[in-house]
Amino acid sequence: MNPLSPALLLGFILSTIYAALFHLWGGRTVRDLLLYWIASMVGFAIGHAIGVFTRIPLLEIGQLHVLEGSIGAFIGLAVARAWSQVMFSGKKLESED
């Protein structure tokens, strides 16, 4: 008996590829790569869960909702990039008083 389902493995592979490509496009450090990988995994899982609950059969491979998961991963990556630019830019945000 295999402990990993094929859908789980494919989701892991796709979200890892998305994170690696996103890091190649705009990452600078290993910290960015780790952040993008986690954000892609979480986003893909949330997107897949939304696909499961809505039961929209747009692009499924077996039990995996690839389209919804991919959209979730890209949203997660965009949020992670914006967050990292604010948190790790080294510049203090000025308040408008």
Foldseek 3Di string as FASTA:
>chain_A
DDPDDPQNVVLLVVLLVVLVVLCVVDNDDVVSSVQLSVLLSVQLVVQQVVCVVVVDPDPDDVSGPVVSSRVRSVVSNVVSVVVCCQPVVPDDDDDDD
